[in-house]
C-alpha atoms as a PDB file:
ATOM      1  CA  MET A   1     -51.663 -84.185 126.712  1.00  0.00           C
ATOM      2  CA  LYS A   2     -51.917 -84.246 130.482  1.00  0.00           C
ATOM      3  CA  GLU A   3     -48.126 -84.246 130.822  1.00  0.00           C
ATOM      4  CA  LEU A   4     -47.900 -81.252 128.486  1.00  0.00           C
ATOM      5  CA  VAL A   5     -50.529 -79.365 130.478  1.00  0.00           C
ATOM      6  CA  ASP A   6     -48.866 -80.217 133.795  1.00  0.00           C
ATOM      7  CA  LYS A   7     -45.473 -79.071 132.511  1.00  0.00           C
ATOM      8  CA  ARG A   8     -46.883 -75.895 131.020  1.00  0.00           C
ATOM      9  CA  MET A   9     -48.827 -75.108 134.204  1.00  0.00           C
ATOM     10  CA  GLY A  10     -45.702 -75.526 136.316  1.00  0.00           C
ATOM     11  CA  ILE A  11     -43.647 -73.175 134.162  1.00  0.00           C
ATOM     12  CA  LEU A  12     -46.373 -70.552 133.754  1.00  0.00           C
ATOM     13  CA  ALA A  13     -47.114 -70.522 137.464  1.00  0.00           C
ATOM     14  CA  CYS A  14     -43.510 -69.530 138.131  1.00  0.00           C
ATOM     15  CA  ALA A  15     -43.470 -67.009 135.294  1.00  0.00           C
ATOM     16  CA  ALA A  16     -46.782 -65.391 136.127  1.00  0.00           C
ATOM     17  CA  ALA A  17     -46.113 -65.247 139.837  1.00  0.00           C
ATOM     18  CA  ALA A  18     -42.729 -63.722 139.189  1.00  0.00           C
ATOM     19  CA  VAL A  19     -44.203 -61.047 136.909  1.00  0.00           C
ATOM     20  CA  ILE A  20     -46.944 -60.197 139.400  1.00  0.00           C
ATOM     21  CA  VAL A  21     -44.710 -60.032 142.455  1.00  0.00           C
ATOM     22  CA  ALA A  22     -41.868 -58.214 140.740  1.00  0.00           C
ATOM     23  CA  GLY A  23     -44.337 -55.783 139.188  1.00  0.00           C
ATOM     24  CA  ALA A  24     -45.526 -54.769 142.623  1.00  0.00           C
ATOM     25  CA  PHE A  25     -42.007 -53.752 143.543  1.00  0.00           C
ATOM     26  CA  ALA A  26     -40.849 -52.366 140.194  1.00  0.00           C
ATOM     27  CA  GLY A  27     -38.946 -49.152 140.693  1.00  0.00           C
ATOM     28  CA  CYS A  28     -38.187 -49.785 144.355  1.00  0.00           C
ATOM     29  CA  GLY A  29     -34.409 -50.015 143.895  1.00  0.00           C
ATOM     30  CA  ASP A  30     -31.718 -47.491 143.106  1.00  0.00           C
ATOM     31  CA  ASP A  31     -31.391 -45.787 139.738  1.00  0.00           C
ATOM     32  CA  ASP A  32     -27.943 -47.102 138.860  1.00  0.00           C
ATOM     33  CA  ASP A  33     -28.285 -47.360 135.077  1.00  0.00           C
ATOM     34  CA  ASP A  34     -24.737 -48.692 134.643  1.00  0.00           C
ATOM     35  CA  GLY A  35     -25.408 -51.482 137.100  1.00  0.00           C
ATOM     36  CA  SER A  36     -28.664 -52.396 135.343  1.00  0.00           C
ATOM     37  CA  ALA A  37     -26.955 -52.453 131.949  1.00  0.00           C
ATOM     38  CA  ALA A  38     -24.234 -54.717 133.276  1.00  0.00           C
ATOM     39  CA  ALA A  39     -26.824 -56.998 134.812  1.00  0.00           C
ATOM     40  CA  ASP A  40     -28.757 -57.117 131.537  1.00  0.00           C
ATOM     41  CA  ALA A  41     -25.614 -58.034 129.623  1.00  0.00           C
ATOM     42  CA  ALA A  42     -24.740 -60.738 132.114  1.00  0.00           C
ATOM     43  CA  ALA A  43     -28.253 -62.148 131.972  1.00  0.00           C
ATOM     44  CA  GLU A  44     -28.233 -62.284 128.167  1.00  0.00           C
ATOM     45  CA  GLU A  45     -25.106 -64.437 128.258  1.00  0.00           C
ATOM     46  CA  THR A  46     -26.705 -66.968 130.579  1.00  0.00           C
ATOM     47  CA  PHE A  47     -30.095 -67.417 128.858  1.00  0.00           C
ATOM     48  CA  ASP A  48     -30.554 -70.976 127.711  1.00  0.00           C
ATOM     49  CA  GLY A  49     -33.103 -72.022 125.115  1.00  0.00           C
ATOM     50  CA  PRO A  50     -35.998 -70.101 123.561  1.00  0.00           C
ATOM     51  CA  PRO A  51     -37.657 -67.243 125.489  1.00  0.00           C
ATOM     52  CA  ALA A  52     -40.436 -67.956 127.958  1.00  0.00           C
ATOM     53  CA  THR A  53     -43.242 -65.867 126.478  1.00  0.00           C
ATOM     54  CA  VAL A  54     -46.309 -64.618 128.307  1.00  0.00           C
ATOM     55  CA  PHE A  55     -49.015 -62.467 126.763  1.00  0.00           C
ATOM     56  CA  MET A  56     -50.834 -59.504 128.261  1.00  0.00           C
ATOM     57  CA  GLN A  57     -54.008 -58.049 126.823  1.00  0.00           C
ATOM     58  CA  ALA A  58     -55.051 -54.589 127.946  1.00  0.00           C
ATOM     59  CA  PRO A  59     -56.812 -51.536 126.550  1.00  0.00           C
ATOM     60  CA  VAL A  60     -54.176 -48.937 125.729  1.00  0.00           C
ATOM     61  CA  ASP A  61     -55.251 -45.389 124.976  1.00  0.00           C
ATOM     62  CA  ASN A  62     -58.698 -46.299 123.667  1.00  0.00           C
ATOM     63  CA  PRO A  63     -62.107 -44.730 124.450  1.00  0.00           C
ATOM     64  CA  VAL A  64     -63.055 -47.384 126.999  1.00  0.00           C
ATOM     65  CA  ALA A  65     -59.957 -47.378 129.176  1.00  0.00           C
ATOM     66  CA  ASP A  66     -56.201 -46.946 129.233  1.00  0.00           C
ATOM     67  CA  PHE A  67     -54.182 -49.532 131.163  1.00  0.00           C
ATOM     68  CA  SER A  68     -50.792 -48.352 129.944  1.00  0.00           C
ATOM     69  CA  ASP A  69     -49.559 -48.347 133.537  1.00  0.00           C
ATOM     70  CA  ALA A  70     -50.318 -52.068 133.890  1.00  0.00           C
ATOM     71  CA  VAL A  71     -48.408 -52.805 130.684  1.00  0.00           C
ATOM     72  CA  ALA A  72     -45.433 -50.782 131.898  1.00  0.00           C
ATOM     73  CA  ALA A  73     -45.478 -52.619 135.232  1.00  0.00           C
ATOM     74  CA  ALA A  74     -45.453 -56.024 133.544  1.00  0.00           C
ATOM     75  CA  ASN A  75     -42.532 -55.043 131.329  1.00  0.00           C
ATOM     76  CA  ALA A  76     -40.616 -53.643 134.283  1.00  0.00           C
ATOM     77  CA  ALA A  77     -41.230 -56.857 136.196  1.00  0.00           C
ATOM     78  CA  ALA A  78     -39.998 -58.972 133.298  1.00  0.00           C
ATOM     79  CA  ALA A  79     -36.855 -56.848 133.032  1.00  0.00           C
ATOM     80  CA  ALA A  80     -36.164 -57.357 136.743  1.00  0.00           C
ATOM     81  CA  ILE A  81     -36.680 -61.108 136.417  1.00  0.00           C
ATOM     82  CA  ASN A  82     -34.336 -61.277 133.433  1.00  0.00           C
ATOM     83  CA  ARG A  83     -31.636 -59.419 135.358  1.00  0.00           C
ATOM     84  CA  ASP A  84     -31.840 -62.244 137.868  1.00  0.00           C
ATOM     85  CA  GLY A  85     -31.398 -64.899 135.209  1.00  0.00           C
ATOM     86  CA  GLY A  86     -34.920 -65.210 133.784  1.00  0.00           C
ATOM     87  CA  ILE A  87     -37.283 -68.146 134.269  1.00  0.00           C
ATOM     88  CA  ALA A  88     -35.388 -71.392 134.690  1.00  0.00           C
ATOM     89  CA  GLY A  89     -32.559 -69.831 132.679  1.00  0.00           C
ATOM     90  CA  ARG A  90     -34.859 -68.630 129.885  1.00  0.00           C
ATOM     91  CA  GLU A  91     -35.501 -65.001 129.020  1.00  0.00           C
ATOM     92  CA  LEU A  92     -38.988 -63.847 130.059  1.00  0.00           C
ATOM     93  CA  VAL A  93     -40.724 -61.925 127.273  1.00  0.00           C
ATOM     94  CA  VAL A  94     -44.051 -60.075 127.636  1.00  0.00           C
ATOM     95  CA  GLU A  95     -46.046 -59.706 124.422  1.00  0.00           C
ATOM     96  CA  THR A  96     -48.745 -57.031 124.734  1.00  0.00           C
ATOM     97  CA  CYS A  97     -51.971 -56.829 122.724  1.00  0.00           C
ATOM     98  CA  ASN A  98     -54.039 -53.646 122.607  1.00  0.00           C
ATOM     99  CA  ASP A  99     -57.617 -54.567 123.523  1.00  0.00           C
ATOM    100  CA  THR A 100     -59.491 -52.393 121.020  1.00  0.00           C
ATOM    101  CA  ASP A 101     -62.439 -54.597 120.039  1.00  0.00           C
ATOM    102  CA  ALA A 102     -63.793 -58.151 120.021  1.00  0.00           C
ATOM    103  CA  ASN A 103     -61.841 -59.159 116.920  1.00  0.00           C
ATOM    104  CA  ALA A 104     -58.580 -57.888 118.408  1.00  0.00           C
ATOM    105  CA  GLU A 105     -59.127 -59.996 121.531  1.00  0.00           C
ATOM    106  CA  VAL A 106     -59.620 -63.204 119.575  1.00  0.00           C
ATOM    107  CA  ALA A 107     -56.690 -62.412 117.264  1.00  0.00           C
ATOM    108  CA  CYS A 108     -54.454 -61.895 120.293  1.00  0.00           C
ATOM    109  CA  VAL A 109     -55.415 -65.243 121.811  1.00  0.00           C
ATOM    110  CA  ARG A 110     -54.815 -67.041 118.523  1.00  0.00           C
ATOM    111  CA  LYS A 111     -51.406 -65.405 118.153  1.00  0.00           C
ATOM    112  CA  ALA A 112     -50.525 -66.512 121.684  1.00  0.00           C
ATOM    113  CA  ALA A 113     -51.442 -70.082 120.746  1.00  0.00           C
ATOM    114  CA  ARG A 114     -49.284 -69.926 117.602  1.00  0.00           C
ATOM    115  CA  ASP A 115     -46.374 -68.537 119.616  1.00  0.00           C
ATOM    116  CA  ASP A 116     -46.713 -71.287 122.243  1.00  0.00           C
ATOM    117  CA  ALA A 117     -47.262 -68.765 125.022  1.00  0.00           C
ATOM    118  CA  LEU A 118     -47.041 -70.018 128.581  1.00  0.00           C
ATOM    119  CA  ALA A 119     -49.906 -67.859 129.843  1.00  0.00           C
ATOM    120  CA  PHE A 120     -51.759 -64.589 129.753  1.00  0.00           C
ATOM    121  CA  VAL A 121     -50.891 -62.417 132.759  1.00  0.00           C
ATOM    122  CA  GLY A 122     -52.725 -59.431 134.245  1.00  0.00           C
ATOM    123  CA  SER A 123     -55.050 -59.240 131.251  1.00  0.00           C
ATOM    124  CA  THR A 124     -58.451 -57.697 130.650  1.00  0.00           C
ATOM    125  CA  PHE A 125     -60.946 -59.078 128.138  1.00  0.00           C
ATOM    126  CA  ILE A 126     -63.497 -56.305 127.695  1.00  0.00           C
ATOM    127  CA  PHE A 127     -65.308 -57.142 124.478  1.00  0.00           C
ATOM    128  CA  ASN A 128     -65.375 -60.901 123.910  1.00  0.00           C
ATOM    129  CA  SER A 129     -64.140 -62.708 126.972  1.00  0.00           C
ATOM    130  CA  GLN A 130     -66.169 -65.861 126.363  1.00  0.00           C
ATOM    131  CA  ALA A 131     -64.827 -66.489 122.862  1.00  0.00           C
ATOM    132  CA  GLY A 132     -61.275 -65.695 123.948  1.00  0.00           C
ATOM    133  CA  GLY A 133     -61.608 -67.933 126.980  1.00  0.00           C
ATOM    134  CA  GLU A 134     -62.808 -70.863 124.893  1.00  0.00           C
ATOM    135  CA  ILE A 135     -59.719 -70.647 122.681  1.00  0.00           C
ATOM    136  CA  LEU A 136     -57.451 -70.381 125.725  1.00  0.00           C
ATOM    137  CA  ALA A 137     -59.080 -73.466 127.234  1.00  0.00           C
ATOM    138  CA  ASN A 138     -58.678 -75.450 124.005  1.00  0.00           C
ATOM    139  CA  GLU A 139     -54.989 -74.510 123.897  1.00  0.00           C
ATOM    140  CA  SER A 140     -54.423 -75.131 127.641  1.00  0.00           C
ATOM    141  CA  ILE A 141     -53.184 -71.554 128.129  1.00  0.00           C
ATOM    142  CA  ALA A 142     -54.038 -70.115 131.519  1.00  0.00           C
ATOM    143  CA  SER A 143     -55.059 -66.514 132.162  1.00  0.00           C
ATOM    144  CA  VAL A 144     -53.428 -65.621 135.478  1.00  0.00           C
ATOM    145  CA  ALA A 145     -54.176 -62.561 137.617  1.00  0.00           C
ATOM    146  CA  ALA A 146     -56.807 -61.352 135.180  1.00  0.00           C
ATOM    147  CA  GLN A 147     -59.471 -58.774 135.836  1.00  0.00           C
ATOM    148  CA  GLY A 148     -62.590 -60.939 135.735  1.00  0.00           C
ATOM    149  CA  SER A 149     -65.331 -58.813 134.205  1.00  0.00           C
ATOM    150  CA  ASN A 150     -67.644 -61.409 132.690  1.00  0.00           C
ATOM    151  CA  GLN A 151     -69.495 -64.309 134.269  1.00  0.00           C
ATOM    152  CA  ALA A 152     -68.096 -66.674 131.639  1.00  0.00           C
ATOM    153  CA  GLU A 153     -64.603 -66.000 132.990  1.00  0.00           C
ATOM    154  CA  TYR A 154     -65.501 -67.495 136.372  1.00  0.00           C
ATOM    155  CA  ALA A 155     -66.696 -70.722 134.792  1.00  0.00           C
ATOM    156  CA  ALA A 156     -63.535 -71.266 132.722  1.00  0.00           C
ATOM    157  CA  PRO A 157     -60.990 -73.643 134.342  1.00  0.00           C
ATOM    158  CA  ILE A 158     -58.048 -71.779 132.796  1.00  0.00           C
ATOM    159  CA  ASN A 159     -58.927 -68.447 134.440  1.00  0.00           C
ATOM    160  CA  PHE A 160     -57.362 -67.367 137.729  1.00  0.00           C
ATOM    161  CA  PRO A 161     -58.707 -63.816 138.313  1.00  0.00           C
ATOM    162  CA  ILE A 162     -57.558 -61.711 141.245  1.00  0.00           C
ATOM    163  CA  TYR A 163     -59.826 -58.724 140.709  1.00  0.00           C
ATOM    164  CA  ALA A 164     -63.594 -58.957 140.275  1.00  0.00           C
ATOM    165  CA  PRO A 165     -65.150 -55.493 139.896  1.00  0.00           C
ATOM    166  CA  PRO A 166     -68.706 -56.735 139.150  1.00  0.00           C
ATOM    167  CA  PHE A 167     -69.123 -58.286 142.593  1.00  0.00           C
ATOM    168  CA  GLY A 168     -69.056 -54.930 144.359  1.00  0.00           C
ATOM    169  CA  ILE A 169     -71.384 -53.367 141.802  1.00  0.00           C
ATOM    170  CA  LEU A 170     -74.015 -56.058 142.313  1.00  0.00           C
ATOM    171  CA  ALA A 171     -74.424 -54.998 145.935  1.00  0.00           C
ATOM    172  CA  CYS A 172     -75.086 -51.358 145.020  1.00  0.00           C
ATOM    173  CA  PRO A 173     -78.877 -51.360 144.496  1.00  0.00           C
ATOM    174  CA  GLU A 174     -79.610 -52.673 147.972  1.00  0.00           C
ATOM    175  CA  GLN A 175     -76.851 -50.665 149.646  1.00  0.00           C
ATOM    176  CA  VAL A 176     -77.922 -47.353 148.137  1.00  0.00           C
ATOM    177  CA  THR A 177     -81.494 -47.784 149.363  1.00  0.00           C
ATOM    178  CA  GLN A 178     -80.243 -48.673 152.841  1.00  0.00           C
ATOM    179  CA  ALA A 179     -77.878 -45.688 152.973  1.00  0.00           C
ATOM    180  CA  SER A 180     -80.244 -43.055 151.564  1.00  0.00           C
ATOM    181  CA  ASP A 181     -83.878 -42.115 151.120  1.00  0.00           C
ATOM    182  CA  ALA A 182     -83.861 -43.442 147.561  1.00  0.00           C
ATOM    183  CA  LYS A 183     -86.603 -45.947 146.824  1.00  0.00           C
ATOM    184  CA  ARG A 184     -86.172 -46.554 143.103  1.00  0.00           C
ATOM    185  CA  VAL A 185     -82.802 -47.422 141.575  1.00  0.00           C
ATOM    186  CA  SER A 186     -81.683 -47.543 137.949  1.00  0.00           C
ATOM    187  CA  ALA A 187     -78.299 -48.062 136.285  1.00  0.00           C
ATOM    188  CA  ILE A 188     -76.263 -46.675 133.396  1.00  0.00           C
ATOM    189  CA  ALA A 189     -73.627 -48.517 131.384  1.00  0.00           C
ATOM    190  CA  GLN A 190     -71.911 -48.469 128.032  1.00  0.00           C
ATOM    191  CA  ASP A 191     -73.016 -50.631 125.142  1.00  0.00           C
ATOM    192  CA  LEU A 192     -70.428 -53.340 125.717  1.00  0.00           C
ATOM    193  CA  PRO A 193     -71.161 -57.065 126.138  1.00  0.00           C
ATOM    194  CA  ILE A 194     -69.795 -57.205 129.678  1.00  0.00           C
ATOM    195  CA  GLN A 195     -71.740 -54.125 130.747  1.00  0.00           C
ATOM    196  CA  ARG A 196     -75.010 -55.295 129.153  1.00  0.00           C
ATOM    197  CA  GLU A 197     -74.614 -58.599 130.960  1.00  0.00           C
ATOM    198  CA  LEU A 198     -73.944 -56.738 134.190  1.00  0.00           C
ATOM    199  CA  LEU A 199     -77.159 -54.721 133.798  1.00  0.00           C
ATOM    200  CA  THR A 200     -79.147 -57.942 133.413  1.00  0.00           C
ATOM    201  CA  THR A 201     -77.530 -59.410 136.518  1.00  0.00           C
ATOM    202  CA  LEU A 202     -78.103 -56.172 138.446  1.00  0.00           C
ATOM    203  CA  GLN A 203     -81.806 -56.370 137.687  1.00  0.00           C
ATOM    204  CA  GLY A 204     -81.989 -59.943 138.976  1.00  0.00           C
ATOM    205  CA  VAL A 205     -80.031 -59.166 142.151  1.00  0.00           C
ATOM    206  CA  ALA A 206     -82.097 -56.052 142.842  1.00  0.00           C
ATOM    207  CA  GLY A 207     -85.314 -58.019 142.423  1.00  0.00           C
ATOM    208  CA  ALA A 208     -84.091 -60.746 144.770  1.00  0.00           C
ATOM    209  CA  ALA A 209     -83.272 -58.070 147.370  1.00  0.00           C
ATOM    210  CA  GLY A 210     -86.706 -56.481 147.049  1.00  0.00           C
ATOM    211  CA  VAL A 211     -85.360 -53.261 145.519  1.00  0.00           C
ATOM    212  CA  ASP A 212     -87.551 -51.268 143.127  1.00  0.00           C
ATOM    213  CA  TYR A 213     -85.314 -51.365 140.060  1.00  0.00           C
ATOM    214  CA  GLY A 214     -86.228 -49.056 137.222  1.00  0.00           C
ATOM    215  CA  GLY A 215     -84.067 -50.670 134.559  1.00  0.00           C
ATOM    216  CA  GLY A 216     -80.791 -49.882 132.861  1.00  0.00           C
ATOM    217  CA  VAL A 217     -79.758 -47.265 130.321  1.00  0.00           C
ATOM    218  CA  THR A 218     -76.964 -47.947 127.838  1.00  0.00           C
ATOM    219  CA  VAL A 219     -74.945 -45.474 125.777  1.00  0.00           C
ATOM    220  CA  PRO A 220     -72.380 -45.951 122.981  1.00  0.00           C
ATOM    221  CA  THR A 221     -68.733 -46.113 124.014  1.00  0.00           C
ATOM    222  CA  SER A 222     -68.138 -42.921 122.013  1.00  0.00           C
ATOM    223  CA  GLN A 223     -70.827 -40.982 123.895  1.00  0.00           C
ATOM    224  CA  THR A 224     -69.719 -37.550 125.122  1.00  0.00           C
ATOM    225  CA  ASP A 225     -73.062 -35.791 125.646  1.00  0.00           C
ATOM    226  CA  PHE A 226     -74.891 -37.597 128.436  1.00  0.00           C
ATOM    227  CA  ALA A 227     -77.864 -35.241 128.670  1.00  0.00           C
ATOM    228  CA  PRO A 228     -80.197 -37.638 126.769  1.00  0.00           C
ATOM    229  CA  ALA A 229     -79.137 -40.552 128.968  1.00  0.00           C
ATOM    230  CA  VAL A 230     -79.710 -38.555 132.148  1.00  0.00           C
ATOM    231  CA  GLN A 231     -83.155 -37.580 130.840  1.00  0.00           C
ATOM    232  CA  GLU A 232     -83.878 -41.254 130.213  1.00  0.00           C
ATOM    233  CA  LEU A 233     -82.895 -42.072 133.803  1.00  0.00           C
ATOM    234  CA  SER A 234     -85.184 -39.293 134.978  1.00  0.00           C
ATOM    235  CA  ASP A 235     -88.030 -40.704 132.890  1.00  0.00           C
ATOM    236  CA  LEU A 236     -87.509 -44.019 134.704  1.00  0.00           C
ATOM    237  CA  ASP A 237     -88.170 -42.125 137.981  1.00  0.00           C
ATOM    238  CA  ALA A 238     -84.727 -43.105 139.243  1.00  0.00           C
ATOM    239  CA  GLU A 239     -83.877 -41.653 142.636  1.00  0.00           C
ATOM    240  CA  ALA A 240     -80.420 -43.237 142.632  1.00  0.00           C
ATOM    241  CA  VAL A 241     -78.187 -44.523 139.845  1.00  0.00           C
ATOM    242  CA  VAL A 242     -75.691 -47.384 139.789  1.00  0.00           C
ATOM    243  CA  ASN A 243     -72.905 -46.075 137.572  1.00  0.00           C
ATOM    244  CA  VAL A 244     -71.145 -48.759 135.507  1.00  0.00           C
ATOM    245  CA  LEU A 245     -69.548 -46.406 132.982  1.00  0.00           C
ATOM    246  CA  ALA A 246     -65.874 -46.725 132.086  1.00  0.00           C
ATOM    247  CA  PRO A 247     -63.521 -44.213 133.749  1.00  0.00           C
ATOM    248  CA  THR A 248     -63.174 -42.097 130.612  1.00  0.00           C
ATOM    249  CA  ALA A 249     -66.934 -41.413 130.623  1.00  0.00           C
ATOM    250  CA  GLN A 250     -67.256 -40.390 134.253  1.00  0.00           C
ATOM    251  CA  ALA A 251     -66.504 -36.665 133.950  1.00  0.00           C
ATOM    252  CA  PRO A 252     -68.915 -35.916 131.085  1.00  0.00           C
ATOM    253  CA  PHE A 253     -71.623 -38.021 132.738  1.00  0.00           C
ATOM    254  CA  TYR A 254     -71.426 -36.154 136.041  1.00  0.00           C
ATOM    255  CA  THR A 255     -71.315 -32.839 134.204  1.00  0.00           C
END
């Protein structure tokens, strides 16, 4: 088992790093379509063995978020890698799962295990990161360059996050009182597992920093009228609000 894990880790490290680096530079060459087509044809002739498959999980055009640009970048990176001969002579294939709910996340991870995926790359687990992570760990599939949104993701040995949005949010209660006249701070988030967990952690951090924390308000992910939520924040005597809402909810909330 250890030899299998070591071999898999070596291959996926190359594949994931290549996708990440190439993705950062995707589109930075000329637009010679004929040259690209010729390169693609040449690469196809030199591929040896089954494809090297990596999975990417991301919300695509759903109410919580839309990471279509990240998916496009990963595919562009894989195409560039394949034009250069692929990964150790194997074609690099990116399989994308649309992160729509908790069941979809788990189904995606199980499919990756059945397909003998090398890794997940650049993924986001919004709804059920702990359950997905447990399956990944059991299958020895790493999640590389993920957006770590849940505390469970930092405890999993197969996770290698490069972006941790909660860390900055946790500093907000103390910072907002230092930077303004606000004395009492509350928070608003959507009714998602990762956001509910974040509200609990915010309360603990605020208490440890000596900040008067009025509590958190949660709204459904489909919420469009935020007047009741704002009234609830007002009833908590909030003088400042830590906003944990997803990007798609920002405009109606501020309105």
